[in-house]
Amino acid sequence: RANTERPITITHGTNRLVGTDPEQIIRAAHDALDHPRPSLPPLWDGQAADRILNAIQQWTVVGGQ
């Protein structure tokens, strides 16, 4: 694909746009497998739902509805 609705994944290196050319897709896949990203950006740990729930609980205790 030639565009994305999540450009932050491009700037953080967790995703890449390679277009629709099959050869370019294969090269990019090989490159990703040969050079994996060593770590995820902060907070990209799969715990967003827990953090959101905690924030909502804190909000209701502190003065929300």
N, C-alpha and C. Protein backbone atom coordinates (compact mmCIF):
# COMPACT_ATOMS: atom_id res chain seq x y z
N ARG A 1 0.83 -1.17 0.00
CA ARG A 1 0.00 0.00 0.00
C ARG A 1 0.87 1.23 0.00
N ALA A 2 0.33 2.31 -0.48
CA ALA A 2 1.12 3.52 -0.66
C ALA A 2 0.87 4.58 0.41
N ASN A 3 -0.06 4.34 1.32
CA ASN A 3 -0.35 5.32 2.37
C ASN A 3 -0.80 4.61 3.64
N THR A 4 -0.90 5.37 4.72
CA THR A 4 -1.34 4.79 5.99
C THR A 4 -2.12 5.82 6.79
N GLU A 5 -3.06 5.35 7.58
CA GLU A 5 -3.79 6.23 8.49
C GLU A 5 -3.09 6.30 9.85
N ARG A 6 -1.97 5.60 9.98
CA ARG A 6 -1.20 5.60 11.23
C ARG A 6 0.26 5.95 10.95
N PRO A 7 0.54 7.21 10.61
CA PRO A 7 1.91 7.58 10.26
C PRO A 7 2.91 7.41 11.40
N ILE A 8 2.46 7.44 12.64
CA ILE A 8 3.40 7.26 13.75
C ILE A 8 4.09 5.90 13.68
N THR A 9 3.41 4.90 13.11
CA THR A 9 4.05 3.59 13.00
C THR A 9 5.20 3.63 12.00
N ILE A 10 5.13 4.54 11.06
CA ILE A 10 6.22 4.71 10.10
C ILE A 10 7.38 5.44 10.77
N THR A 11 7.07 6.55 11.45
CA THR A 11 8.14 7.34 12.07
C THR A 11 8.83 6.60 13.20
N HIS A 12 8.14 5.69 13.87
CA HIS A 12 8.75 4.91 14.95
C HIS A 12 9.39 3.62 14.44
N GLY A 13 9.25 3.35 13.16
CA GLY A 13 9.92 2.19 12.58
C GLY A 13 9.25 0.86 12.84
N THR A 14 8.02 0.86 13.33
CA THR A 14 7.32 -0.40 13.56
C THR A 14 6.50 -0.82 12.35
N ASN A 15 6.50 0.00 11.33
CA ASN A 15 5.77 -0.29 10.11
C ASN A 15 6.52 0.38 8.96
N ARG A 16 6.28 -0.05 7.76
CA ARG A 16 6.89 0.60 6.60
C ARG A 16 5.94 0.52 5.42
N LEU A 17 6.00 1.54 4.59
CA LEU A 17 5.21 1.56 3.36
C LEU A 17 6.12 1.13 2.23
N VAL A 18 5.69 0.14 1.49
CA VAL A 18 6.52 -0.35 0.39
C VAL A 18 5.79 -0.36 -0.94
N GLY A 19 4.57 0.12 -0.96
CA GLY A 19 3.81 0.14 -2.21
C GLY A 19 3.18 -1.21 -2.50
N THR A 20 2.85 -1.41 -3.75
CA THR A 20 2.12 -2.63 -4.14
C THR A 20 2.91 -3.52 -5.09
N ASP A 21 4.14 -3.14 -5.40
CA ASP A 21 4.97 -3.96 -6.28
C ASP A 21 5.39 -5.23 -5.56
N PRO A 22 5.04 -6.41 -6.09
CA PRO A 22 5.35 -7.67 -5.41
C PRO A 22 6.84 -7.85 -5.08
N GLU A 23 7.72 -7.46 -5.99
CA GLU A 23 9.16 -7.61 -5.71
C GLU A 23 9.60 -6.71 -4.56
N GLN A 24 9.07 -5.50 -4.53
CA GLN A 24 9.41 -4.57 -3.45
C GLN A 24 8.86 -5.08 -2.11
N ILE A 25 7.68 -5.67 -2.12
CA ILE A 25 7.10 -6.25 -0.91
C ILE A 25 7.98 -7.38 -0.39
N ILE A 26 8.43 -8.23 -1.28
CA ILE A 26 9.29 -9.36 -0.89
C ILE A 26 10.61 -8.85 -0.32
N ARG A 27 11.22 -7.84 -0.98
CA ARG A 27 12.48 -7.28 -0.47
C ARG A 27 12.28 -6.68 0.92
N ALA A 28 11.18 -5.95 1.10
CA ALA A 28 10.91 -5.33 2.40
C ALA A 28 10.67 -6.39 3.47
N ALA A 29 9.99 -7.47 3.12
CA ALA A 29 9.75 -8.55 4.09
C ALA A 29 11.06 -9.20 4.49
N HIS A 30 11.93 -9.47 3.52
CA HIS A 30 13.24 -10.04 3.83
C HIS A 30 14.05 -9.09 4.72
N ASP A 31 14.01 -7.81 4.40
CA ASP A 31 14.74 -6.83 5.19
C ASP A 31 14.22 -6.79 6.63
N ALA A 32 12.90 -6.83 6.80
CA ALA A 32 12.31 -6.81 8.14
C ALA A 32 12.71 -8.06 8.93
N LEU A 33 12.77 -9.20 8.26
CA LEU A 33 13.16 -10.43 8.94
C LEU A 33 14.65 -10.45 9.25
N ASP A 34 15.46 -9.89 8.36
CA ASP A 34 16.90 -9.87 8.57
C ASP A 34 17.35 -8.82 9.58
N HIS A 35 16.54 -7.77 9.74
CA HIS A 35 16.89 -6.66 10.65
C HIS A 35 15.68 -6.31 11.52
N PRO A 36 15.32 -7.19 12.45
CA PRO A 36 14.14 -6.91 13.29
C PRO A 36 14.37 -5.71 14.19
N ARG A 37 13.30 -5.03 14.50
CA ARG A 37 13.37 -3.89 15.42
C ARG A 37 13.66 -4.43 16.81
N PRO A 38 14.67 -3.89 17.49
CA PRO A 38 15.08 -4.45 18.78
C PRO A 38 14.08 -4.23 19.91
N SER A 39 13.31 -3.15 19.88
CA SER A 39 12.36 -2.91 20.96
C SER A 39 11.21 -2.04 20.47
N LEU A 40 10.13 -2.07 21.22
CA LEU A 40 8.97 -1.26 20.90
C LEU A 40 9.09 0.11 21.54
N PRO A 41 8.45 1.12 20.96
CA PRO A 41 8.43 2.44 21.59
C PRO A 41 7.74 2.36 22.96
N PRO A 42 8.03 3.32 23.84
CA PRO A 42 7.39 3.33 25.16
C PRO A 42 5.86 3.28 25.05
N LEU A 43 5.25 2.56 25.94
CA LEU A 43 3.79 2.41 26.06
C LEU A 43 3.18 1.53 24.98
N TRP A 44 3.97 0.99 24.06
CA TRP A 44 3.44 0.07 23.06
C TRP A 44 3.60 -1.35 23.58
N ASP A 45 3.05 -1.57 24.75
CA ASP A 45 3.28 -2.84 25.46
C ASP A 45 2.04 -3.71 25.55
N GLY A 46 0.96 -3.33 24.88
CA GLY A 46 -0.27 -4.13 24.93
C GLY A 46 -1.09 -3.90 26.19
N GLN A 47 -0.73 -2.89 26.97
CA GLN A 47 -1.41 -2.64 28.23
C GLN A 47 -2.28 -1.38 28.20
N ALA A 48 -2.60 -0.88 27.02
CA ALA A 48 -3.39 0.35 26.91
C ALA A 48 -4.74 0.24 27.60
N ALA A 49 -5.42 -0.88 27.45
CA ALA A 49 -6.74 -1.05 28.07
C ALA A 49 -6.64 -0.95 29.58
N ASP A 50 -5.61 -1.54 30.17
CA ASP A 50 -5.42 -1.46 31.62
C ASP A 50 -5.17 -0.02 32.06
N ARG A 51 -4.36 0.72 31.30
CA ARG A 51 -4.09 2.11 31.65
C ARG A 51 -5.35 2.96 31.52
N ILE A 52 -6.15 2.70 30.49
CA ILE A 52 -7.40 3.45 30.30
C ILE A 52 -8.37 3.15 31.45
N LEU A 53 -8.51 1.88 31.79
CA LEU A 53 -9.39 1.51 32.90
C LEU A 53 -8.94 2.17 34.19
N ASN A 54 -7.66 2.16 34.46
CA ASN A 54 -7.13 2.79 35.66
C ASN A 54 -7.43 4.29 35.67
N ALA A 55 -7.26 4.95 34.54
CA ALA A 55 -7.53 6.38 34.45
C ALA A 55 -9.01 6.67 34.69
N ILE A 56 -9.90 5.85 34.14
CA ILE A 56 -11.34 6.04 34.35
C ILE A 56 -11.69 5.82 35.81
N GLN A 57 -11.13 4.78 36.41
CA GLN A 57 -11.39 4.52 37.83
C GLN A 57 -10.90 5.68 38.70
N GLN A 58 -9.72 6.20 38.41
CA GLN A 58 -9.20 7.33 39.17
C GLN A 58 -10.09 8.56 38.99
N TRP A 59 -10.55 8.79 37.79
CA TRP A 59 -11.39 9.94 37.50
C TRP A 59 -12.70 9.86 38.28
N THR A 60 -13.30 8.66 38.34
CA THR A 60 -14.57 8.53 39.06
C THR A 60 -14.38 8.67 40.56
N VAL A 61 -13.24 8.28 41.09
CA VAL A 61 -12.97 8.40 42.52
C VAL A 61 -12.67 9.85 42.88
N VAL A 62 -11.96 10.56 42.02
CA VAL A 62 -11.49 11.91 42.34
C VAL A 62 -12.57 12.97 42.14
N GLY A 63 -13.57 12.73 41.35
CA GLY A 63 -14.57 13.77 41.21
C GLY A 63 -15.41 13.68 39.95
N GLY A 64 -15.26 12.62 39.22
CA GLY A 64 -16.09 12.46 38.03
C GLY A 64 -17.49 12.03 38.41
N GLN A 65 -18.24 11.71 37.45
CA GLN A 65 -19.64 11.30 37.68
C GLN A 65 -19.74 9.85 38.07
